[in-house]
Amino acid sequence: MDLIDKNGKIKGGILENNFKNWLDIHKIPFLYIEQNNQTLSPSLIEEFASKRPDFMILVPHFGFLFVDVKYRKMHTEFRNFPIDIIETKKYSSLQRKFHLEIWYVISNEDYGFKTWFWIPVSKVMELGISAQVSRKSGEGFFPIPIEEFIQVSEDDSLDRLFSKLFMK
């Protein structure tokens, strides 16, 4: 079965379903954010071009994280993941204006959708000084080295994410 459609999207939401399963297994409370435009106010659509993350993860005694789950292949020669420039700038604006924490979580079938690479949008912006343009799509992206992500496996909980945040 081919997992990827012609637009690079995962058929049937495989990635998001696997992420939901990981959250459920670890009893991490979350809200799934419906992605159709009827769930957003016109002012949010106008200001942020209807960009919003996929999940709101609730963290006891902390608050919440917004998470946008992304299917991305690692560029094997340079060992980095491409992160869309325009989308990141929209998230950065949303994050700053409303004091939100927004993170990307990346995986793909090479990792069996069981390893998650986490990075805050603010760090992508910070590291995104060497923007590039895809020869294939013509779209701009930030090549973010794999070492900059926090790797969380299917057996790990959010404890790993937070412990890695404070160990740097």
N, C-alpha and C. Protein backbone atom coordinates (compact mmCIF):
# COMPACT_ATOMS: atom_id res chain seq x y z
N MET A 1 0.84 -1.19 0.00
CA MET A 1 0.00 0.00 0.00
C MET A 1 0.88 1.24 0.00
N ASP A 2 0.63 2.16 -0.93
CA ASP A 2 1.38 3.40 -0.99
C ASP A 2 0.82 4.35 0.07
N LEU A 3 1.69 4.80 0.98
CA LEU A 3 1.25 5.66 2.08
C LEU A 3 1.09 7.12 1.69
N ILE A 4 1.73 7.53 0.61
CA ILE A 4 1.77 8.94 0.27
C ILE A 4 0.98 9.22 -1.00
N ASP A 5 0.13 10.25 -0.94
CA ASP A 5 -0.60 10.63 -2.15
C ASP A 5 0.25 11.57 -3.01
N LYS A 6 -0.27 12.03 -4.12
CA LYS A 6 0.50 12.85 -5.05
C LYS A 6 0.91 14.20 -4.46
N ASN A 7 0.26 14.66 -3.41
CA ASN A 7 0.60 15.93 -2.77
C ASN A 7 1.53 15.74 -1.56
N GLY A 8 2.01 14.53 -1.35
CA GLY A 8 2.90 14.28 -0.22
C GLY A 8 2.17 14.09 1.10
N LYS A 9 0.86 13.97 1.06
CA LYS A 9 0.07 13.79 2.28
C LYS A 9 -0.09 12.31 2.57
N ILE A 10 -0.18 11.99 3.82
CA ILE A 10 -0.36 10.60 4.21
C ILE A 10 -1.84 10.23 4.07
N LYS A 11 -2.09 9.18 3.32
CA LYS A 11 -3.46 8.72 3.12
C LYS A 11 -4.06 8.27 4.45
N GLY A 12 -5.32 8.70 4.67
CA GLY A 12 -6.06 8.23 5.84
C GLY A 12 -5.56 8.77 7.16
N GLY A 13 -4.69 9.76 7.14
CA GLY A 13 -4.23 10.33 8.41
C GLY A 13 -3.41 9.36 9.25
N ILE A 14 -2.64 8.49 8.61
CA ILE A 14 -1.86 7.49 9.33
C ILE A 14 -0.97 8.13 10.39
N LEU A 15 -0.30 9.19 10.03
CA LEU A 15 0.61 9.83 10.97
C LEU A 15 -0.13 10.37 12.19
N GLU A 16 -1.19 11.11 11.97
CA GLU A 16 -1.95 11.67 13.10
C GLU A 16 -2.55 10.56 13.96
N ASN A 17 -3.06 9.51 13.32
CA ASN A 17 -3.61 8.39 14.09
C ASN A 17 -2.56 7.72 14.96
N ASN A 18 -1.37 7.53 14.43
CA ASN A 18 -0.29 6.95 15.23
C ASN A 18 0.11 7.86 16.38
N PHE A 19 0.11 9.16 16.13
CA PHE A 19 0.43 10.10 17.21
C PHE A 19 -0.67 10.07 18.28
N LYS A 20 -1.93 10.04 17.86
CA LYS A 20 -3.04 9.92 18.82
C LYS A 20 -2.89 8.66 19.66
N ASN A 21 -2.54 7.55 19.00
CA ASN A 21 -2.34 6.29 19.73
C ASN A 21 -1.23 6.42 20.75
N TRP A 22 -0.12 7.08 20.38
CA TRP A 22 0.98 7.28 21.32
C TRP A 22 0.50 8.09 22.52
N LEU A 23 -0.26 9.16 22.26
CA LEU A 23 -0.80 9.96 23.36
C LEU A 23 -1.71 9.12 24.26
N ASP A 24 -2.58 8.32 23.65
CA ASP A 24 -3.49 7.47 24.42
C ASP A 24 -2.75 6.43 25.26
N ILE A 25 -1.77 5.76 24.66
CA ILE A 25 -1.00 4.74 25.38
C ILE A 25 -0.34 5.32 26.62
N HIS A 26 0.14 6.55 26.51
CA HIS A 26 0.83 7.18 27.63
C HIS A 26 -0.10 8.03 28.50
N LYS A 27 -1.40 7.92 28.22
CA LYS A 27 -2.42 8.63 29.00
C LYS A 27 -2.15 10.14 29.07
N ILE A 28 -1.79 10.67 27.93
CA ILE A 28 -1.53 12.10 27.81
C ILE A 28 -2.81 12.76 27.30
N PRO A 29 -3.41 13.63 28.11
CA PRO A 29 -4.66 14.26 27.66
C PRO A 29 -4.41 15.25 26.52
N PHE A 30 -5.33 15.25 25.57
CA PHE A 30 -5.18 16.13 24.40
C PHE A 30 -6.54 16.48 23.83
N LEU A 31 -6.53 17.52 23.05
CA LEU A 31 -7.67 17.90 22.21
C LEU A 31 -7.18 17.86 20.78
N TYR A 32 -7.93 17.18 19.92
CA TYR A 32 -7.61 17.17 18.50
C TYR A 32 -8.29 18.39 17.89
N ILE A 33 -7.58 19.15 17.10
CA ILE A 33 -8.12 20.38 16.52
C ILE A 33 -8.56 20.09 15.09
N GLU A 34 -9.85 20.15 14.89
CA GLU A 34 -10.42 19.92 13.56
C GLU A 34 -9.83 20.92 12.57
N GLN A 35 -9.52 20.46 11.37
CA GLN A 35 -8.80 21.28 10.42
C GLN A 35 -9.66 21.94 9.34
N ASN A 36 -10.98 21.86 9.46
CA ASN A 36 -11.77 22.55 8.44
C ASN A 36 -12.00 24.01 8.83
N ASN A 37 -12.26 24.85 7.86
CA ASN A 37 -12.38 26.29 8.10
C ASN A 37 -13.61 26.69 8.90
N GLN A 38 -14.61 25.83 9.01
CA GLN A 38 -15.79 26.18 9.79
C GLN A 38 -15.51 26.22 11.29
N THR A 39 -14.37 25.68 11.72
CA THR A 39 -14.05 25.66 13.14
C THR A 39 -13.25 26.89 13.59
N LEU A 40 -12.98 27.82 12.66
CA LEU A 40 -12.20 29.01 12.98
C LEU A 40 -13.02 30.28 12.79
N SER A 41 -12.72 31.27 13.60
CA SER A 41 -13.38 32.56 13.42
C SER A 41 -12.81 33.24 12.18
N PRO A 42 -13.61 34.09 11.54
CA PRO A 42 -13.11 34.81 10.35
C PRO A 42 -11.87 35.65 10.66
N SER A 43 -11.78 36.22 11.87
CA SER A 43 -10.61 37.05 12.18
C SER A 43 -9.34 36.21 12.29
N LEU A 44 -9.46 34.98 12.78
CA LEU A 44 -8.29 34.10 12.85
C LEU A 44 -7.85 33.67 11.45
N ILE A 45 -8.83 33.39 10.61
CA ILE A 45 -8.52 33.03 9.23
C ILE A 45 -7.83 34.20 8.52
N GLU A 46 -8.37 35.39 8.71
CA GLU A 46 -7.80 36.57 8.06
C GLU A 46 -6.38 36.85 8.54
N GLU A 47 -6.17 36.78 9.84
CA GLU A 47 -4.87 37.15 10.39
C GLU A 47 -3.79 36.08 10.19
N PHE A 48 -4.16 34.82 10.31
CA PHE A 48 -3.16 33.76 10.26
C PHE A 48 -3.38 32.77 9.12
N ALA A 49 -4.20 33.15 8.16
CA ALA A 49 -4.45 32.32 6.98
C ALA A 49 -4.84 30.91 7.36
N SER A 50 -5.67 30.81 8.39
CA SER A 50 -6.26 29.55 8.88
C SER A 50 -5.21 28.51 9.31
N LYS A 51 -4.02 28.97 9.65
CA LYS A 51 -2.98 28.04 10.12
C LYS A 51 -3.22 27.73 11.58
N ARG A 52 -3.33 26.45 11.88
CA ARG A 52 -3.44 26.05 13.28
C ARG A 52 -2.90 24.64 13.44
N PRO A 53 -2.37 24.36 14.63
CA PRO A 53 -1.79 23.04 14.90
C PRO A 53 -2.86 21.95 14.92
N ASP A 54 -2.39 20.70 15.00
CA ASP A 54 -3.29 19.54 14.99
C ASP A 54 -3.81 19.16 16.37
N PHE A 55 -2.99 19.39 17.40
CA PHE A 55 -3.33 18.94 18.75
C PHE A 55 -3.02 20.02 19.78
N MET A 56 -3.79 19.99 20.86
CA MET A 56 -3.45 20.74 22.06
C MET A 56 -3.22 19.67 23.13
N ILE A 57 -1.99 19.56 23.59
CA ILE A 57 -1.63 18.58 24.62
C ILE A 57 -1.68 19.28 25.96
N LEU A 58 -2.41 18.69 26.90
CA LEU A 58 -2.57 19.27 28.23
C LEU A 58 -1.55 18.65 29.17
N VAL A 59 -0.75 19.50 29.81
CA VAL A 59 0.32 19.03 30.69
C VAL A 59 0.01 19.49 32.11
N PRO A 60 -0.27 18.53 33.03
CA PRO A 60 -0.61 18.91 34.40
C PRO A 60 0.44 19.82 35.04
N HIS A 61 -0.03 20.82 35.75
CA HIS A 61 0.80 21.77 36.50
C HIS A 61 1.71 22.61 35.59
N PHE A 62 1.49 22.56 34.29
CA PHE A 62 2.30 23.32 33.34
C PHE A 62 1.41 24.18 32.45
N GLY A 63 0.42 23.54 31.84
CA GLY A 63 -0.43 24.23 30.89
C GLY A 63 -0.64 23.35 29.67
N PHE A 64 -0.35 23.88 28.51
CA PHE A 64 -0.57 23.11 27.30
C PHE A 64 0.46 23.45 26.24
N LEU A 65 0.61 22.53 25.30
CA LEU A 65 1.44 22.70 24.11
C LEU A 65 0.56 22.49 22.90
N PHE A 66 0.71 23.34 21.91
CA PHE A 66 0.09 23.07 20.63
C PHE A 66 1.11 22.32 19.79
N VAL A 67 0.64 21.30 19.08
CA VAL A 67 1.53 20.45 18.30
C VAL A 67 0.99 20.30 16.88
N ASP A 68 1.88 20.53 15.92
CA ASP A 68 1.55 20.27 14.53
C ASP A 68 2.36 19.04 14.11
N VAL A 69 1.67 17.95 13.84
CA VAL A 69 2.32 16.70 13.47
C VAL A 69 2.60 16.73 11.97
N LYS A 70 3.85 16.47 11.61
CA LYS A 70 4.27 16.58 10.21
C LYS A 70 4.93 15.30 9.72
N TYR A 71 4.58 14.94 8.51
CA TYR A 71 5.29 13.87 7.80
C TYR A 71 6.44 14.54 7.06
N ARG A 72 7.66 14.17 7.42
CA ARG A 72 8.84 14.69 6.73
C ARG A 72 9.86 13.57 6.62
N LYS A 73 10.51 13.53 5.48
CA LYS A 73 11.64 12.61 5.28
C LYS A 73 12.92 13.36 5.63
N MET A 74 13.83 12.67 6.26
CA MET A 74 15.12 13.27 6.56
C MET A 74 15.98 13.26 5.30
N HIS A 75 16.64 14.37 5.03
CA HIS A 75 17.60 14.43 3.93
C HIS A 75 18.83 13.66 4.42
N THR A 76 19.05 12.48 3.88
CA THR A 76 20.07 11.57 4.41
C THR A 76 21.49 12.10 4.27
N GLU A 77 21.77 12.81 3.19
CA GLU A 77 23.13 13.32 3.01
C GLU A 77 23.48 14.39 4.05
N PHE A 78 22.53 15.27 4.33
CA PHE A 78 22.78 16.38 5.25
C PHE A 78 22.21 16.15 6.65
N ARG A 79 21.48 15.04 6.81
CA ARG A 79 20.87 14.67 8.10
C ARG A 79 20.04 15.82 8.70
N ASN A 80 19.09 16.30 7.88
CA ASN A 80 18.19 17.33 8.37
C ASN A 80 16.78 17.09 7.86
N PHE A 81 15.84 17.73 8.53
CA PHE A 81 14.44 17.71 8.11
C PHE A 81 14.08 19.07 7.53
N PRO A 82 13.37 19.12 6.40
CA PRO A 82 12.93 20.40 5.85
C PRO A 82 11.65 20.88 6.54
N ILE A 83 11.69 22.12 7.02
CA ILE A 83 10.53 22.72 7.67
C ILE A 83 10.10 23.93 6.84
N ASP A 84 8.84 23.96 6.43
CA ASP A 84 8.29 25.00 5.56
C ASP A 84 8.45 26.39 6.18
N ILE A 85 9.03 27.31 5.42
CA ILE A 85 9.28 28.67 5.91
C ILE A 85 7.99 29.45 6.16
N ILE A 86 7.09 29.47 5.18
CA ILE A 86 5.87 30.26 5.31
C ILE A 86 5.04 29.79 6.49
N GLU A 87 4.86 28.49 6.61
CA GLU A 87 4.08 27.94 7.72
C GLU A 87 4.74 28.29 9.06
N THR A 88 6.05 28.17 9.14
CA THR A 88 6.75 28.46 10.39
C THR A 88 6.59 29.93 10.77
N LYS A 89 6.65 30.80 9.80
CA LYS A 89 6.46 32.23 10.10
C LYS A 89 5.04 32.51 10.60
N LYS A 90 4.05 31.83 10.03
CA LYS A 90 2.67 32.00 10.50
C LYS A 90 2.53 31.51 11.94
N TYR A 91 3.10 30.34 12.21
CA TYR A 91 3.06 29.81 13.58
C TYR A 91 3.80 30.72 14.55
N SER A 92 4.93 31.24 14.13
CA SER A 92 5.71 32.13 14.98
C SER A 92 4.91 33.38 15.34
N SER A 93 4.21 33.92 14.37
CA SER A 93 3.36 35.09 14.60
C SER A 93 2.22 34.75 15.56
N LEU A 94 1.56 33.64 15.33
CA LEU A 94 0.47 33.18 16.20
C LEU A 94 1.00 32.96 17.62
N GLN A 95 2.15 32.34 17.72
CA GLN A 95 2.77 32.05 19.01
C GLN A 95 3.09 33.33 19.78
N ARG A 96 3.70 34.30 19.11
CA ARG A 96 4.08 35.56 19.78
C ARG A 96 2.86 36.38 20.17
N LYS A 97 1.90 36.49 19.27
CA LYS A 97 0.74 37.35 19.54
C LYS A 97 -0.10 36.85 20.70
N PHE A 98 -0.22 35.51 20.85
CA PHE A 98 -1.09 34.97 21.88
C PHE A 98 -0.35 34.22 23.00
N HIS A 99 0.96 34.35 23.04
CA HIS A 99 1.80 33.70 24.07
C HIS A 99 1.53 32.20 24.16
N LEU A 100 1.65 31.55 23.03
CA LEU A 100 1.41 30.11 22.94
C LEU A 100 2.72 29.36 22.77
N GLU A 101 2.73 28.11 23.12
CA GLU A 101 3.85 27.22 22.82
C GLU A 101 3.42 26.32 21.68
N ILE A 102 4.07 26.44 20.53
CA ILE A 102 3.74 25.63 19.36
C ILE A 102 4.98 24.84 18.96
N TRP A 103 4.78 23.55 18.78
CA TRP A 103 5.88 22.64 18.44
C TRP A 103 5.53 21.86 17.17
N TYR A 104 6.57 21.50 16.43
CA TYR A 104 6.43 20.51 15.36
C TYR A 104 6.81 19.15 15.94
N VAL A 105 6.09 18.13 15.50
CA VAL A 105 6.44 16.74 15.81
C VAL A 105 6.48 16.01 14.47
N ILE A 106 7.64 15.44 14.16
CA ILE A 106 7.88 14.85 12.84
C ILE A 106 8.10 13.35 12.96
N SER A 107 7.56 12.62 11.98
CA SER A 107 7.84 11.19 11.86
C SER A 107 7.57 10.77 10.42
N ASN A 108 7.87 9.51 10.12
CA ASN A 108 7.57 8.94 8.81
C ASN A 108 7.68 7.43 8.89
N GLU A 109 7.41 6.76 7.77
CA GLU A 109 7.41 5.29 7.77
C GLU A 109 8.81 4.71 7.98
N ASP A 110 9.87 5.48 7.70
CA ASP A 110 11.23 4.98 7.95
C ASP A 110 11.42 4.68 9.44
N TYR A 111 10.68 5.37 10.28
CA TYR A 111 10.73 5.15 11.73
C TYR A 111 9.51 4.36 12.20
N GLY A 112 8.77 3.80 11.26
CA GLY A 112 7.57 3.02 11.59
C GLY A 112 6.50 3.85 12.28
N PHE A 113 6.57 5.19 12.11
CA PHE A 113 5.65 6.10 12.80
C PHE A 113 5.67 5.84 14.31
N LYS A 114 6.82 5.43 14.83
CA LYS A 114 6.95 5.11 16.26
C LYS A 114 8.04 5.93 16.94
N THR A 115 8.72 6.77 16.18
CA THR A 115 9.70 7.68 16.73
C THR A 115 9.27 9.08 16.31
N TRP A 116 9.27 9.97 17.29
CA TRP A 116 8.78 11.33 17.08
C TRP A 116 9.91 12.30 17.32
N PHE A 117 10.10 13.23 16.40
CA PHE A 117 11.13 14.25 16.52
C PHE A 117 10.45 15.59 16.83
N TRP A 118 10.68 16.10 18.02
CA TRP A 118 10.02 17.29 18.54
C TRP A 118 10.95 18.50 18.44
N ILE A 119 10.38 19.65 18.06
CA ILE A 119 11.13 20.91 18.05
C ILE A 119 10.14 22.08 18.16
N PRO A 120 10.46 23.05 19.02
CA PRO A 120 9.57 24.23 19.11
C PRO A 120 9.71 25.11 17.86
N VAL A 121 8.62 25.73 17.48
CA VAL A 121 8.62 26.65 16.34
C VAL A 121 9.64 27.76 16.56
N SER A 122 9.75 28.23 17.79
CA SER A 122 10.70 29.31 18.09
C SER A 122 12.14 28.89 17.78
N LYS A 123 12.46 27.63 18.02
CA LYS A 123 13.82 27.14 17.73
C LYS A 123 14.03 27.01 16.22
N VAL A 124 12.99 26.62 15.49
CA VAL A 124 13.10 26.55 14.02
C VAL A 124 13.40 27.94 13.48
N MET A 125 12.71 28.96 14.01
CA MET A 125 12.96 30.33 13.56
C MET A 125 14.39 30.75 13.91
N GLU A 126 14.83 30.40 15.09
CA GLU A 126 16.17 30.74 15.55
C GLU A 126 17.24 30.09 14.66
N LEU A 127 17.03 28.81 14.31
CA LEU A 127 17.99 28.07 13.51
C LEU A 127 17.85 28.33 12.01
N GLY A 128 16.73 28.92 11.61
CA GLY A 128 16.40 29.05 10.19
C GLY A 128 17.10 30.16 9.46
N ILE A 129 18.37 30.38 9.77
CA ILE A 129 19.09 31.45 9.10
C ILE A 129 19.55 31.06 7.70
N SER A 130 19.60 29.77 7.43
CA SER A 130 20.05 29.31 6.11
C SER A 130 18.89 28.73 5.31
N ALA A 131 17.90 29.57 5.05
CA ALA A 131 16.74 29.12 4.28
C ALA A 131 17.17 28.65 2.90
N GLN A 132 16.47 27.65 2.40
CA GLN A 132 16.77 27.10 1.08
C GLN A 132 15.47 26.95 0.30
N VAL A 133 15.60 26.69 -0.99
CA VAL A 133 14.44 26.48 -1.86
C VAL A 133 14.55 25.07 -2.44
N SER A 134 13.45 24.35 -2.37
CA SER A 134 13.41 22.99 -2.91
C SER A 134 13.50 23.03 -4.43
N ARG A 135 14.41 22.23 -4.97
CA ARG A 135 14.51 22.12 -6.44
C ARG A 135 13.26 21.45 -7.01
N LYS A 136 12.69 20.57 -6.22
CA LYS A 136 11.53 19.79 -6.67
C LYS A 136 10.25 20.62 -6.69
N SER A 137 9.96 21.29 -5.55
CA SER A 137 8.68 22.00 -5.43
C SER A 137 8.79 23.51 -5.60
N GLY A 138 9.99 24.05 -5.46
CA GLY A 138 10.16 25.50 -5.53
C GLY A 138 9.78 26.20 -4.24
N GLU A 139 9.41 25.44 -3.21
CA GLU A 139 8.99 26.00 -1.92
C GLU A 139 10.22 26.26 -1.04
N GLY A 140 10.13 27.31 -0.21
CA GLY A 140 11.21 27.62 0.72
C GLY A 140 11.12 26.75 1.97
N PHE A 141 12.27 26.38 2.50
CA PHE A 141 12.29 25.57 3.73
C PHE A 141 13.54 25.88 4.55
N PHE A 142 13.43 25.59 5.84
CA PHE A 142 14.56 25.65 6.74
C PHE A 142 15.09 24.23 6.90
N PRO A 143 16.36 23.97 6.59
CA PRO A 143 16.92 22.64 6.82
C PRO A 143 17.38 22.54 8.28
N ILE A 144 16.64 21.82 9.10
CA ILE A 144 16.94 21.74 10.53
C ILE A 144 17.65 20.42 10.82
N PRO A 145 18.88 20.49 11.33
CA PRO A 145 19.65 19.26 11.62
C PRO A 145 18.94 18.37 12.64
N ILE A 146 19.03 17.09 12.43
CA ILE A 146 18.34 16.12 13.28
C ILE A 146 18.78 16.26 14.75
N GLU A 147 20.02 16.71 14.99
CA GLU A 147 20.52 16.86 16.36
C GLU A 147 19.75 17.93 17.14
N GLU A 148 19.07 18.82 16.44
CA GLU A 148 18.33 19.90 17.10
C GLU A 148 16.97 19.45 17.63
N PHE A 149 16.52 18.27 17.22
CA PHE A 149 15.23 17.74 17.65
C PHE A 149 15.39 16.92 18.91
N ILE A 150 14.32 16.82 19.67
CA ILE A 150 14.29 15.90 20.80
C ILE A 150 13.58 14.65 20.30
N GLN A 151 14.28 13.54 20.34
CA GLN A 151 13.75 12.28 19.83
C GLN A 151 13.01 11.56 20.94
N VAL A 152 11.76 11.19 20.66
CA VAL A 152 10.91 10.48 21.62
C VAL A 152 10.39 9.24 20.92
N SER A 153 10.65 8.07 21.51
CA SER A 153 10.20 6.82 20.90
C SER A 153 8.83 6.44 21.42
N GLU A 154 8.25 5.41 20.83
CA GLU A 154 6.91 4.99 21.24
C GLU A 154 6.87 4.53 22.69
N ASP A 155 8.00 4.09 23.24
CA ASP A 155 8.05 3.64 24.64
C ASP A 155 8.26 4.79 25.62
N ASP A 156 8.63 5.96 25.12
CA ASP A 156 8.87 7.12 25.97
C ASP A 156 7.57 7.87 26.21
N SER A 157 7.55 8.60 27.31
CA SER A 157 6.42 9.49 27.60
C SER A 157 6.90 10.93 27.44
N LEU A 158 6.06 11.87 27.82
CA LEU A 158 6.46 13.28 27.75
C LEU A 158 7.61 13.57 28.71
N ASP A 159 7.83 12.70 29.69
CA ASP A 159 8.96 12.88 30.61
C ASP A 159 10.26 13.04 29.84
N ARG A 160 10.43 12.25 28.79
CA ARG A 160 11.66 12.33 27.99
C ARG A 160 11.79 13.70 27.35
N LEU A 161 10.70 14.21 26.82
CA LEU A 161 10.73 15.53 26.19
C LEU A 161 11.16 16.59 27.20
N PHE A 162 10.53 16.61 28.36
CA PHE A 162 10.85 17.62 29.34
C PHE A 162 12.24 17.43 29.95
N SER A 163 12.64 16.21 30.16
CA SER A 163 13.98 15.99 30.72
C SER A 163 15.06 16.46 29.73
N LYS A 164 14.85 16.24 28.44
CA LYS A 164 15.81 16.69 27.43
C LYS A 164 15.83 18.22 27.32
N LEU A 165 14.69 18.84 27.54
CA LEU A 165 14.62 20.31 27.50
C LEU A 165 15.50 20.93 28.57
N PHE A 166 15.48 20.33 29.75
CA PHE A 166 16.20 20.92 30.87
C PHE A 166 17.62 20.41 31.02
N MET A 167 18.01 19.41 30.24
CA MET A 167 19.36 18.87 30.31
C MET A 167 20.33 19.60 29.37
N LYS A 168 19.83 20.42 28.48
CA LYS A 168 20.71 21.09 27.50
C LYS A 168 21.45 22.23 28.12
